[in-house]
Amino acid sequence: MNYIFFAKLFFYIFTFAILSSCGKDFFKYSSAKDNPVIGKERAKKNVSEGRGVNLGGLGVGRSTTYEFSTSNPLWRASLDTLDFIPMATIDYSGGTIVSDWYSDGTEKNEAIKITVRFLSNEIRTDSLKIIVHKKICSPSQICNVDLINNSVLVDELQSTILRKAVLIDKEQRSSKTKKR
């Protein structure tokens, strides 16, 4: 008998706790003219507003924007700028592009490796970090690798990428307004 009493008590307390955590707006009135009745339209509206499932407050106050690499102007501009060099690693989710060692053929014992790190999706100078390594090998195949961050090459790469990103962004915005 005690077991049944405590089981019911636990069930009621648990149910009360779950329902009270729904918040004050759980039973909020909403008009049908503001919210679509058809499920697919309602889901489309929720996605466009950035709403989704919230489990235990894990996503409270945060909205998520997902961008594909083809819609990120900085990413596209970086790949367009570095298309002459073979790539070792391209990781959009990690925000890095790492090239392979590249030599233009004029200096047989010198090669460069370029790393682009994306710090933000905004088109600004502090959104990119470009690192250039230079490898110089002796005829006996002993190589020294140096980091050259403050070089003309880094400045030229950054300005070229940013200029292309601005043009791509303008092109995307104009195509969106034409579709509307």
Protein backbone atom coordinates (compact mmCIF):
# COMPACT_ATOMS: atom_id res chain seq x y z
CA MET A 1 0.00 0.00 0.00
CA ASN A 2 2.82 2.43 0.81
CA TYR A 3 4.49 1.59 -2.50
CA ILE A 4 1.39 2.55 -4.51
CA PHE A 5 0.96 5.78 -2.54
CA PHE A 6 4.58 6.85 -3.15
CA ALA A 7 4.40 5.85 -6.81
CA LYS A 8 1.30 8.03 -7.32
CA LEU A 9 2.86 10.89 -5.36
CA PHE A 10 6.01 10.68 -7.46
CA PHE A 11 3.93 10.59 -10.66
CA TYR A 12 1.95 13.72 -9.67
CA ILE A 13 5.06 15.65 -8.59
CA PHE A 14 6.86 14.64 -11.79
CA THR A 15 3.89 15.64 -13.96
CA PHE A 16 3.56 18.97 -12.14
CA ALA A 17 7.28 19.67 -12.60
CA ILE A 18 7.14 18.89 -16.30
CA LEU A 19 4.06 21.03 -16.93
CA SER A 20 5.29 23.95 -14.83
CA SER A 21 8.55 24.06 -16.79
CA CYS A 22 6.66 24.83 -19.98
CA GLY A 23 6.68 28.50 -19.04
CA LYS A 24 4.07 31.19 -18.91
CA ASP A 25 3.55 31.32 -22.69
CA PHE A 26 2.70 27.63 -23.07
CA PHE A 27 -1.02 28.27 -23.46
CA LYS A 28 -0.61 31.61 -25.24
CA TYR A 29 -3.48 32.58 -27.53
CA SER A 30 -2.56 32.91 -31.18
CA SER A 31 -4.76 33.85 -34.08
CA ALA A 32 -5.08 31.59 -37.13
CA LYS A 33 -4.44 34.58 -39.38
CA ASP A 34 -0.97 35.00 -37.79
CA ASN A 35 -0.06 31.30 -37.80
CA PRO A 36 -0.68 28.95 -40.72
CA VAL A 37 -2.99 26.02 -40.06
CA ILE A 38 -1.39 23.63 -42.56
CA GLY A 39 1.58 21.80 -41.06
CA LYS A 40 4.03 22.33 -43.93
CA GLU A 41 3.36 26.07 -44.04
CA ARG A 42 3.71 26.31 -40.24
CA ALA A 43 7.03 24.43 -40.40
CA LYS A 44 8.25 26.71 -43.19
CA LYS A 45 7.32 29.78 -41.12
CA ASN A 46 9.12 28.39 -38.06
CA VAL A 47 12.26 27.68 -40.07
CA SER A 48 12.26 31.16 -41.60
CA GLU A 49 11.94 32.67 -38.10
CA GLY A 50 14.76 30.48 -36.76
CA ARG A 51 12.59 28.55 -34.32
CA GLY A 52 12.87 24.86 -33.66
CA VAL A 53 12.69 22.25 -30.94
CA ASN A 54 13.82 23.34 -27.50
CA LEU A 55 14.75 20.50 -25.15
CA GLY A 56 15.22 21.57 -21.56
CA GLY A 57 16.46 25.06 -22.31
CA LEU A 58 19.39 23.91 -24.42
CA GLY A 59 18.73 26.49 -27.10
CA VAL A 60 17.22 29.31 -25.07
CA GLY A 61 17.94 32.73 -26.50
CA ARG A 62 19.94 31.40 -29.43
CA SER A 63 18.99 31.34 -33.04
CA THR A 64 20.95 29.38 -35.57
CA THR A 65 21.76 30.39 -39.09
CA TYR A 66 23.14 27.74 -41.37
CA GLU A 67 25.06 28.75 -44.44
CA PHE A 68 26.29 26.49 -47.15
CA SER A 69 29.77 27.11 -48.43
CA THR A 70 28.38 28.28 -51.76
CA SER A 71 26.46 31.09 -50.07
CA ASN A 72 29.40 32.36 -47.99
CA PRO A 73 31.11 35.12 -49.98
CA LEU A 74 34.41 34.93 -48.05
CA TRP A 75 34.67 31.19 -48.60
CA ARG A 76 33.93 31.44 -52.32
CA ALA A 77 36.32 34.37 -52.78
CA SER A 78 39.11 32.49 -50.99
CA LEU A 79 38.70 29.43 -53.18
CA ASP A 80 38.55 31.59 -56.32
CA THR A 81 41.71 33.43 -55.29
CA LEU A 82 43.64 30.28 -54.41
CA ASP A 83 42.48 28.18 -57.37
CA PHE A 84 46.00 28.13 -58.86
CA ILE A 85 47.47 26.20 -55.93
CA PRO A 86 46.81 22.54 -55.03
CA MET A 87 44.85 22.13 -51.80
CA ALA A 88 45.75 19.76 -48.98
CA THR A 89 42.77 20.37 -46.67
CA ILE A 90 39.51 22.22 -47.17
CA ASP A 91 37.23 22.18 -44.14
CA TYR A 92 34.20 24.44 -44.27
CA SER A 93 32.84 23.39 -40.89
CA GLY A 94 36.22 24.06 -39.26
CA GLY A 95 36.73 27.24 -41.25
CA THR A 96 40.14 26.44 -42.71
CA ILE A 97 41.75 26.12 -46.10
CA VAL A 98 45.26 24.67 -46.19
CA SER A 99 47.18 24.46 -49.44
CA ASP A 100 49.83 21.97 -50.38
CA TRP A 101 53.43 23.09 -50.88
CA TYR A 102 53.55 25.11 -54.10
CA SER A 103 56.43 26.24 -56.24
CA ASP A 104 55.92 28.35 -59.34
CA GLY A 105 58.99 26.85 -61.00
CA THR A 106 61.24 29.90 -60.97
CA GLU A 107 63.02 28.85 -57.78
CA LYS A 108 63.34 25.07 -57.63
CA ASN A 109 64.40 24.98 -53.99
CA GLU A 110 61.64 27.28 -52.67
CA ALA A 111 57.97 26.51 -51.99
CA ILE A 112 55.12 28.17 -50.10
CA LYS A 113 52.17 26.84 -48.16
CA ILE A 114 49.13 29.05 -47.51
CA THR A 115 46.64 28.62 -44.67
CA VAL A 116 43.42 30.66 -44.52
CA ARG A 117 41.43 30.65 -41.29
CA PHE A 118 37.94 32.12 -41.19
CA LEU A 119 37.25 33.92 -37.93
CA SER A 120 33.86 35.30 -38.97
CA ASN A 121 31.44 35.22 -41.91
CA GLU A 122 31.43 39.01 -42.12
CA ILE A 123 33.39 40.66 -44.90
CA ARG A 124 35.99 42.52 -42.84
CA THR A 125 39.77 42.49 -42.62
CA ASP A 126 39.72 40.82 -39.20
CA SER A 127 37.51 37.99 -40.48
CA LEU A 128 40.45 36.26 -42.15
CA LYS A 129 43.79 35.10 -40.83
CA ILE A 130 46.23 34.22 -43.58
CA ILE A 131 49.40 32.34 -42.71
CA VAL A 132 52.15 31.75 -45.26
CA HIS A 133 55.00 29.31 -44.72
CA LYS A 134 58.07 29.38 -46.93
CA LYS A 135 60.23 26.30 -47.35
CA ILE A 136 63.78 26.61 -48.64
CA CYS A 137 65.61 23.38 -49.36
CA SER A 138 69.32 22.97 -49.95
CA PRO A 139 70.69 20.70 -52.69
CA SER A 140 71.30 18.04 -50.01
CA GLN A 141 67.52 18.01 -49.29
CA ILE A 142 67.76 19.76 -45.94
CA CYS A 143 64.77 22.09 -45.71
CA ASN A 144 64.09 25.07 -43.48
CA VAL A 145 60.52 26.27 -43.02
CA ASP A 146 59.89 29.89 -42.06
CA LEU A 147 56.68 31.67 -41.13
CA ILE A 148 56.17 34.87 -43.13
CA ASN A 149 53.15 36.69 -41.72
CA ASN A 150 54.08 40.31 -42.40
CA SER A 151 54.70 40.05 -46.10
CA VAL A 152 53.42 41.62 -49.26
CA LEU A 153 51.97 38.24 -50.27
CA VAL A 154 49.74 38.07 -47.18
CA ASP A 155 48.50 41.62 -47.73
CA GLU A 156 47.81 40.99 -51.43
CA LEU A 157 45.96 37.74 -50.72
CA GLN A 158 43.82 39.36 -48.05
CA SER A 159 42.90 42.38 -50.16
CA THR A 160 42.14 40.22 -53.20
CA ILE A 161 39.93 37.87 -51.19
CA LEU A 162 38.05 40.75 -49.57
CA ARG A 163 37.51 42.53 -52.91
CA LYS A 164 36.16 39.35 -54.50
CA ALA A 165 33.97 38.67 -51.45
CA VAL A 166 32.40 42.11 -51.72
CA LEU A 167 31.65 41.55 -55.42
CA ILE A 168 30.16 38.10 -54.73
CA ASP A 169 28.05 39.51 -51.89
CA LYS A 170 26.71 42.30 -54.11
CA GLU A 171 25.93 39.77 -56.81
CA GLN A 172 24.06 37.53 -54.34
CA ARG A 173 22.05 40.43 -52.95
CA SER A 174 21.07 41.68 -56.39
CA SER A 175 19.97 38.18 -57.47
CA LYS A 176 17.84 37.88 -54.29
CA THR A 177 16.11 41.18 -54.99
CA LYS A 178 15.47 40.14 -58.61
CA LYS A 179 13.79 36.92 -57.42
CA ARG A 180 11.43 38.87 -55.20
